[in-house]
Amino acid sequence: MIRIIATIILFIPGIIGAFGIKLMRDALFADVYPILVNEGIQFFVGLIMFLGGLAFIGGFIYHRDKKRQLVKKRSNKL
């Protein structure tokens, strides 16, 4: 049951990110949604949605790998 919930939690930001890509693509081809008045606003909203979904999924994977000790420690030597 917990794995299903975790999958759903990862699936929703993935859908948001994919819709953000669609908004950016539509803005480039001048297909504006009625809610978003301008192509520039639509592109910016799509970019924010894409980056938000990508950051959530990336953060989830990083946190999981760090918890399982799969992330190597960085050395601060220059």
PDB file of N, CA and C in Angstrom:
ATOM      1  N   MET A   1       0.824  -1.196   0.000  1.00  0.00           N
ATOM      2  CA  MET A   1       0.000   0.000   0.000  1.00  0.00           C
ATOM      3  C   MET A   1       0.869   1.261   0.000  1.00  0.00           C
ATOM      4  N   ILE A   2       1.956   1.225   0.764  1.00  0.00           N
ATOM      5  CA  ILE A   2       2.821   2.409   0.846  1.00  0.00           C
ATOM      6  C   ILE A   2       3.512   2.657  -0.482  1.00  0.00           C
ATOM      7  N   ARG A   3       3.874   1.589  -1.200  1.00  0.00           N
ATOM      8  CA  ARG A   3       4.526   1.763  -2.500  1.00  0.00           C
ATOM      9  C   ARG A   3       3.574   2.384  -3.520  1.00  0.00           C
ATOM     10  N   ILE A   4       2.313   2.058  -3.428  1.00  0.00           N
ATOM     11  CA  ILE A   4       1.320   2.653  -4.336  1.00  0.00           C
ATOM     12  C   ILE A   4       1.191   4.142  -4.063  1.00  0.00           C
ATOM     13  N   ILE A   5       1.152   4.518  -2.805  1.00  0.00           N
ATOM     14  CA  ILE A   5       1.062   5.933  -2.439  1.00  0.00           C
ATOM     15  C   ILE A   5       2.310   6.680  -2.893  1.00  0.00           C
ATOM     16  N   ALA A   6       3.484   6.070  -2.718  1.00  0.00           N
ATOM     17  CA  ALA A   6       4.732   6.705  -3.160  1.00  0.00           C
ATOM     18  C   ALA A   6       4.751   6.870  -4.672  1.00  0.00           C
ATOM     19  N   THR A   7       4.235   5.895  -5.390  1.00  0.00           N
ATOM     20  CA  THR A   7       4.162   6.001  -6.850  1.00  0.00           C
ATOM     21  C   THR A   7       3.234   7.127  -7.266  1.00  0.00           C
ATOM     22  N   ILE A   8       2.118   7.259  -6.605  1.00  0.00           N
ATOM     23  CA  ILE A   8       1.180   8.336  -6.912  1.00  0.00           C
ATOM     24  C   ILE A   8       1.805   9.690  -6.596  1.00  0.00           C
ATOM     25  N   ILE A   9       2.540   9.764  -5.481  1.00  0.00           N
ATOM     26  CA  ILE A   9       3.195  11.024  -5.120  1.00  0.00           C
ATOM     27  C   ILE A   9       4.225  11.416  -6.171  1.00  0.00           C
ATOM     28  N   LEU A  10       4.903  10.458  -6.782  1.00  0.00           N
ATOM     29  CA  LEU A  10       5.858  10.761  -7.849  1.00  0.00           C
ATOM     30  C   LEU A  10       5.164  10.995  -9.188  1.00  0.00           C
ATOM     31  N   PHE A  11       4.022  10.393  -9.384  1.00  0.00           N
ATOM     32  CA  PHE A  11       3.306  10.503 -10.654  1.00  0.00           C
ATOM     33  C   PHE A  11       2.721  11.902 -10.854  1.00  0.00           C
ATOM     34  N   ILE A  12       2.223  12.511  -9.795  1.00  0.00           N
ATOM     35  CA  ILE A  12       1.588  13.835  -9.906  1.00  0.00           C
ATOM     36  C   ILE A  12       2.589  14.915 -10.330  1.00  0.00           C
ATOM     37  N   PRO A  13       3.776  15.045  -9.722  1.00  0.00           N
ATOM     38  CA  PRO A  13       4.734  16.036 -10.225  1.00  0.00           C
ATOM     39  C   PRO A  13       5.213  15.734 -11.650  1.00  0.00           C
ATOM     40  N   GLY A  14       5.243  14.455 -12.024  1.00  0.00           N
ATOM     41  CA  GLY A  14       5.597  14.099 -13.395  1.00  0.00           C
ATOM     42  C   GLY A  14       4.570  14.621 -14.382  1.00  0.00           C
ATOM     43  N   ILE A  15       3.310  14.506 -14.039  1.00  0.00           N
ATOM     44  CA  ILE A  15       2.234  15.034 -14.887  1.00  0.00           C
ATOM     45  C   ILE A  15       2.327  16.555 -14.962  1.00  0.00           C
ATOM     46  N   ILE A  16       2.604  17.205 -13.833  1.00  0.00           N
ATOM     47  CA  ILE A  16       2.732  18.663 -13.828  1.00  0.00           C
ATOM     48  C   ILE A  16       3.900  19.098 -14.699  1.00  0.00           C
ATOM     49  N   GLY A  17       5.023  18.392 -14.616  1.00  0.00           N
ATOM     50  CA  GLY A  17       6.175  18.709 -15.449  1.00  0.00           C
ATOM     51  C   GLY A  17       5.890  18.515 -16.927  1.00  0.00           C
ATOM     52  N   ALA A  18       5.186  17.437 -17.259  1.00  0.00           N
ATOM     53  CA  ALA A  18       4.840  17.186 -18.660  1.00  0.00           C
ATOM     54  C   ALA A  18       3.887  18.256 -19.184  1.00  0.00           C
ATOM     55  N   PHE A  19       2.948  18.690 -18.359  1.00  0.00           N
ATOM     56  CA  PHE A  19       2.038  19.752 -18.785  1.00  0.00           C
ATOM     57  C   PHE A  19       2.780  21.078 -18.942  1.00  0.00           C
ATOM     58  N   GLY A  20       3.807  21.289 -18.117  1.00  0.00           N
ATOM     59  CA  GLY A  20       4.638  22.482 -18.258  1.00  0.00           C
ATOM     60  C   GLY A  20       5.378  22.494 -19.590  1.00  0.00           C
ATOM     61  N   ILE A  21       5.883  21.318 -19.998  1.00  0.00           N
ATOM     62  CA  ILE A  21       6.540  21.223 -21.306  1.00  0.00           C
ATOM     63  C   ILE A  21       5.540  21.528 -22.413  1.00  0.00           C
ATOM     64  N   LYS A  22       4.312  21.034 -22.265  1.00  0.00           N
ATOM     65  CA  LYS A  22       3.274  21.291 -23.266  1.00  0.00           C
ATOM     66  C   LYS A  22       2.934  22.777 -23.342  1.00  0.00           C
ATOM     67  N   LEU A  23       2.863  23.431 -22.195  1.00  0.00           N
ATOM     68  CA  LEU A  23       2.591  24.871 -22.196  1.00  0.00           C
ATOM     69  C   LEU A  23       3.698  25.650 -22.887  1.00  0.00           C
ATOM     70  N   MET A  24       4.950  25.277 -22.637  1.00  0.00           N
ATOM     71  CA  MET A  24       6.072  25.964 -23.281  1.00  0.00           C
ATOM     72  C   MET A  24       6.048  25.730 -24.794  1.00  0.00           C
ATOM     73  N   ARG A  25       5.775  24.507 -25.204  1.00  0.00           N
ATOM     74  CA  ARG A  25       5.715  24.198 -26.635  1.00  0.00           C
ATOM     75  C   ARG A  25       4.585  24.979 -27.310  1.00  0.00           C
ATOM     76  N   ASP A  26       3.419  25.013 -26.664  1.00  0.00           N
ATOM     77  CA  ASP A  26       2.297  25.751 -27.235  1.00  0.00           C
ATOM     78  C   ASP A  26       2.585  27.247 -27.307  1.00  0.00           C
ATOM     79  N   ALA A  27       3.322  27.766 -26.336  1.00  0.00           N
ATOM     80  CA  ALA A  27       3.668  29.191 -26.366  1.00  0.00           C
ATOM     81  C   ALA A  27       4.609  29.493 -27.533  1.00  0.00           C
ATOM     82  N   LEU A  28       5.518  28.578 -27.831  1.00  0.00           N
ATOM     83  CA  LEU A  28       6.428  28.789 -28.961  1.00  0.00           C
ATOM     84  C   LEU A  28       5.693  28.761 -30.297  1.00  0.00           C
ATOM     85  N   PHE A  29       4.618  27.983 -30.390  1.00  0.00           N
ATOM     86  CA  PHE A  29       3.852  27.894 -31.628  1.00  0.00           C
ATOM     87  C   PHE A  29       2.610  28.782 -31.613  1.00  0.00           C
ATOM     88  N   ALA A  30       2.561  29.737 -30.697  1.00  0.00           N
ATOM     89  CA  ALA A  30       1.503  30.765 -30.609  1.00  0.00           C
ATOM     90  C   ALA A  30       0.114  30.165 -30.408  1.00  0.00           C
ATOM     91  N   ASP A  31       0.011  29.129 -29.606  1.00  0.00           N
ATOM     92  CA  ASP A  31      -1.281  28.548 -29.240  1.00  0.00           C
ATOM     93  C   ASP A  31      -1.519  28.876 -27.769  1.00  0.00           C
ATOM     94  N   VAL A  32      -2.211  29.981 -27.518  1.00  0.00           N
ATOM     95  CA  VAL A  32      -2.352  30.509 -26.162  1.00  0.00           C
ATOM     96  C   VAL A  32      -3.636  29.975 -25.533  1.00  0.00           C
ATOM     97  N   TYR A  33      -3.540  29.530 -24.281  1.00  0.00           N
ATOM     98  CA  TYR A  33      -4.717  29.125 -23.529  1.00  0.00           C
ATOM     99  C   TYR A  33      -5.495  30.372 -23.106  1.00  0.00           C
ATOM    100  N   PRO A  34      -6.827  30.271 -23.011  1.00  0.00           N
ATOM    101  CA  PRO A  34      -7.625  31.460 -22.654  1.00  0.00           C
ATOM    102  C   PRO A  34      -7.312  32.023 -21.266  1.00  0.00           C
ATOM    103  N   ILE A  35      -6.916  31.167 -20.326  1.00  0.00           N
ATOM    104  CA  ILE A  35      -6.619  31.634 -18.969  1.00  0.00           C
ATOM    105  C   ILE A  35      -5.339  32.466 -18.965  1.00  0.00           C
ATOM    106  N   LEU A  36      -4.350  32.011 -19.729  1.00  0.00           N
ATOM    107  CA  LEU A  36      -3.058  32.706 -19.788  1.00  0.00           C
ATOM    108  C   LEU A  36      -3.112  33.689 -20.954  1.00  0.00           C
ATOM    109  N   VAL A  37      -3.078  34.959 -20.658  1.00  0.00           N
ATOM    110  CA  VAL A  37      -3.366  36.010 -21.618  1.00  0.00           C
ATOM    111  C   VAL A  37      -2.283  36.150 -22.684  1.00  0.00           C
ATOM    112  N   ASN A  38      -1.039  35.974 -22.299  1.00  0.00           N
ATOM    113  CA  ASN A  38       0.080  36.301 -23.163  1.00  0.00           C
ATOM    114  C   ASN A  38       0.932  35.054 -23.391  1.00  0.00           C
ATOM    115  N   GLU A  39       1.629  34.987 -24.535  1.00  0.00           N
ATOM    116  CA  GLU A  39       2.507  33.849 -24.811  1.00  0.00           C
ATOM    117  C   GLU A  39       3.688  33.817 -23.848  1.00  0.00           C
ATOM    118  N   GLY A  40       4.201  34.970 -23.496  1.00  0.00           N
ATOM    119  CA  GLY A  40       5.327  35.032 -22.559  1.00  0.00           C
ATOM    120  C   GLY A  40       4.938  34.542 -21.177  1.00  0.00           C
ATOM    121  N   ILE A  41       3.755  34.924 -20.720  1.00  0.00           N
ATOM    122  CA  ILE A  41       3.266  34.459 -19.419  1.00  0.00           C
ATOM    123  C   ILE A  41       3.058  32.953 -19.455  1.00  0.00           C
ATOM    124  N   GLN A  42       2.503  32.452 -20.560  1.00  0.00           N
ATOM    125  CA  GLN A  42       2.274  31.017 -20.690  1.00  0.00           C
ATOM    126  C   GLN A  42       3.595  30.248 -20.675  1.00  0.00           C
ATOM    127  N   PHE A  43       4.606  30.772 -21.364  1.00  0.00           N
ATOM    128  CA  PHE A  43       5.905  30.108 -21.375  1.00  0.00           C
ATOM    129  C   PHE A  43       6.518  30.103 -19.980  1.00  0.00           C
ATOM    130  N   PHE A  44       6.423  31.223 -19.270  1.00  0.00           N
ATOM    131  CA  PHE A  44       6.989  31.320 -17.926  1.00  0.00           C
ATOM    132  C   PHE A  44       6.283  30.367 -16.962  1.00  0.00           C
ATOM    133  N   VAL A  45       4.960  30.286 -17.033  1.00  0.00           N
ATOM    134  CA  VAL A  45       4.210  29.369 -16.172  1.00  0.00           C
ATOM    135  C   VAL A  45       4.601  27.924 -16.486  1.00  0.00           C
ATOM    136  N   GLY A  46       4.739  27.603 -17.773  1.00  0.00           N
ATOM    137  CA  GLY A  46       5.161  26.264 -18.164  1.00  0.00           C
ATOM    138  C   GLY A  46       6.559  25.940 -17.672  1.00  0.00           C
ATOM    139  N   LEU A  47       7.463  26.920 -17.730  1.00  0.00           N
ATOM    140  CA  LEU A  47       8.823  26.718 -17.252  1.00  0.00           C
ATOM    141  C   LEU A  47       8.841  26.462 -15.746  1.00  0.00           C
ATOM    142  N   ILE A  48       8.058  27.215 -15.005  1.00  0.00           N
ATOM    143  CA  ILE A  48       7.974  27.023 -13.552  1.00  0.00           C
ATOM    144  C   ILE A  48       7.396  25.642 -13.229  1.00  0.00           C
ATOM    145  N   MET A  49       6.360  25.229 -13.960  1.00  0.00           N
ATOM    146  CA  MET A  49       5.761  23.915 -13.719  1.00  0.00           C
ATOM    147  C   MET A  49       6.753  22.796 -14.039  1.00  0.00           C
ATOM    148  N   PHE A  50       7.481  22.935 -15.140  1.00  0.00           N
ATOM    149  CA  PHE A  50       8.467  21.922 -15.519  1.00  0.00           C
ATOM    150  C   PHE A  50       9.584  21.834 -14.498  1.00  0.00           C
ATOM    151  N   LEU A  51      10.148  22.975 -14.111  1.00  0.00           N
ATOM    152  CA  LEU A  51      11.248  22.970 -13.148  1.00  0.00           C
ATOM    153  C   LEU A  51      10.793  22.479 -11.778  1.00  0.00           C
ATOM    154  N   GLY A  52       9.575  22.813 -11.388  1.00  0.00           N
ATOM    155  CA  GLY A  52       9.043  22.331 -10.109  1.00  0.00           C
ATOM    156  C   GLY A  52       8.890  20.815 -10.086  1.00  0.00           C
ATOM    157  N   GLY A  53       8.324  20.257 -11.153  1.00  0.00           N
ATOM    158  CA  GLY A  53       8.183  18.802 -11.229  1.00  0.00           C
ATOM    159  C   GLY A  53       9.522  18.097 -11.272  1.00  0.00           C
ATOM    160  N   LEU A  54      10.453  18.651 -12.049  1.00  0.00           N
ATOM    161  CA  LEU A  54      11.783  18.064 -12.158  1.00  0.00           C
ATOM    162  C   LEU A  54      12.524  18.128 -10.823  1.00  0.00           C
ATOM    163  N   ALA A  55      12.416  19.251 -10.126  1.00  0.00           N
ATOM    164  CA  ALA A  55      13.085  19.403  -8.835  1.00  0.00           C
ATOM    165  C   ALA A  55      12.499  18.448  -7.793  1.00  0.00           C
ATOM    166  N   PHE A  56      11.187  18.256  -7.814  1.00  0.00           N
ATOM    167  CA  PHE A  56      10.565  17.349  -6.844  1.00  0.00           C
ATOM    168  C   PHE A  56      11.028  15.919  -7.064  1.00  0.00           C
ATOM    169  N   ILE A  57      11.003  15.470  -8.319  1.00  0.00           N
ATOM    170  CA  ILE A  57      11.408  14.095  -8.610  1.00  0.00           C
ATOM    171  C   ILE A  57      12.907  13.915  -8.341  1.00  0.00           C
ATOM    172  N   GLY A  58      13.716  14.884  -8.746  1.00  0.00           N
ATOM    173  CA  GLY A  58      15.153  14.806  -8.488  1.00  0.00           C
ATOM    174  C   GLY A  58      15.470  14.804  -7.007  1.00  0.00           C
ATOM    175  N   GLY A  59      14.783  15.636  -6.239  1.00  0.00           N
ATOM    176  CA  GLY A  59      14.988  15.669  -4.791  1.00  0.00           C
ATOM    177  C   GLY A  59      14.563  14.378  -4.122  1.00  0.00           C
ATOM    178  N   PHE A  60      13.485  13.788  -4.615  1.00  0.00           N
ATOM    179  CA  PHE A  60      13.029  12.517  -4.065  1.00  0.00           C
ATOM    180  C   PHE A  60      14.064  11.417  -4.312  1.00  0.00           C
ATOM    181  N   ILE A  61      14.596  11.350  -5.525  1.00  0.00           N
ATOM    182  CA  ILE A  61      15.594  10.329  -5.851  1.00  0.00           C
ATOM    183  C   ILE A  61      16.876  10.562  -5.053  1.00  0.00           C
ATOM    184  N   TYR A  62      17.308  11.818  -4.932  1.00  0.00           N
ATOM    185  CA  TYR A  62      18.508  12.129  -4.154  1.00  0.00           C
ATOM    186  C   TYR A  62      18.323  11.746  -2.688  1.00  0.00           C
ATOM    187  N   HIS A  63      17.163  12.074  -2.120  1.00  0.00           N
ATOM    188  CA  HIS A  63      16.891  11.744  -0.719  1.00  0.00           C
ATOM    189  C   HIS A  63      16.882  10.232  -0.508  1.00  0.00           C
ATOM    190  N   ARG A  64      16.266   9.511  -1.435  1.00  0.00           N
ATOM    191  CA  ARG A  64      16.224   8.046  -1.322  1.00  0.00           C
ATOM    192  C   ARG A  64      17.622   7.439  -1.406  1.00  0.00           C
ATOM    193  N   ASP A  65      18.429   7.921  -2.362  1.00  0.00           N
ATOM    194  CA  ASP A  65      19.787   7.399  -2.497  1.00  0.00           C
ATOM    195  C   ASP A  65      20.654   7.768  -1.300  1.00  0.00           C
ATOM    196  N   LYS A  66      20.462   8.958  -0.752  1.00  0.00           N
ATOM    197  CA  LYS A  66      21.231   9.373   0.422  1.00  0.00           C
ATOM    198  C   LYS A  66      20.852   8.524   1.636  1.00  0.00           C
ATOM    199  N   LYS A  67      19.585   8.191   1.752  1.00  0.00           N
ATOM    200  CA  LYS A  67      19.129   7.373   2.864  1.00  0.00           C
ATOM    201  C   LYS A  67      19.691   5.951   2.764  1.00  0.00           C
ATOM    202  N   ARG A  68      19.850   5.450   1.562  1.00  0.00           N
ATOM    203  CA  ARG A  68      20.417   4.114   1.349  1.00  0.00           C
ATOM    204  C   ARG A  68      21.938   4.130   1.249  1.00  0.00           C
ATOM    205  N   GLN A  69      22.537   5.279   1.480  1.00  0.00           N
ATOM    206  CA  GLN A  69      23.986   5.496   1.463  1.00  0.00           C
ATOM    207  C   GLN A  69      24.601   5.145   0.109  1.00  0.00           C
ATOM    208  N   LEU A  70      23.930   5.588  -0.968  1.00  0.00           N
ATOM    209  CA  LEU A  70      24.437   5.397  -2.322  1.00  0.00           C
ATOM    210  C   LEU A  70      25.092   6.655  -2.873  1.00  0.00           C
ATOM    211  N   VAL A  71      25.012   7.761  -2.134  1.00  0.00           N
ATOM    212  CA  VAL A  71      25.608   9.016  -2.555  1.00  0.00           C
ATOM    213  C   VAL A  71      26.998   9.116  -1.948  1.00  0.00           C
ATOM    214  N   LYS A  72      27.983   9.368  -2.796  1.00  0.00           N
ATOM    215  CA  LYS A  72      29.347   9.486  -2.309  1.00  0.00           C
ATOM    216  C   LYS A  72      29.553  10.857  -1.691  1.00  0.00           C
ATOM    217  N   LYS A  73      30.378  10.905  -0.654  1.00  0.00           N
ATOM    218  CA  LYS A  73      30.683  12.170  -0.010  1.00  0.00           C
ATOM    219  C   LYS A  73      31.663  12.938  -0.876  1.00  0.00           C
ATOM    220  N   ARG A  74      31.486  14.242  -0.964  1.00  0.00           N
ATOM    221  CA  ARG A  74      32.365  15.091  -1.758  1.00  0.00           C
ATOM    222  C   ARG A  74      33.553  15.515  -0.928  1.00  0.00           C
ATOM    223  N   SER A  75      34.694  15.574  -1.566  1.00  0.00           N
ATOM    224  CA  SER A  75      35.870  16.113  -0.876  1.00  0.00           C
ATOM    225  C   SER A  75      35.991  17.588  -1.215  1.00  0.00           C
ATOM    226  N   ASN A  76      36.387  18.375  -0.263  1.00  0.00           N
ATOM    227  CA  ASN A  76      36.498  19.818  -0.447  1.00  0.00           C
ATOM    228  C   ASN A  76      37.924  20.250  -0.770  1.00  0.00           C
ATOM    229  N   LYS A  77      38.736  19.359  -1.307  1.00  0.00           N
ATOM    230  CA  LYS A  77      40.098  19.695  -1.664  1.00  0.00           C
ATOM    231  C   LYS A  77      40.104  20.477  -2.979  1.00  0.00           C
ATOM    232  N   LEU A  78      40.938  21.490  -3.037  1.00  0.00           N
ATOM    233  CA  LEU A  78      41.038  22.273  -4.271  1.00  0.00           C
ATOM    234  C   LEU A  78      42.312  22.008  -5.003  1.00  0.00           C
TER     235      LEU A  78
END
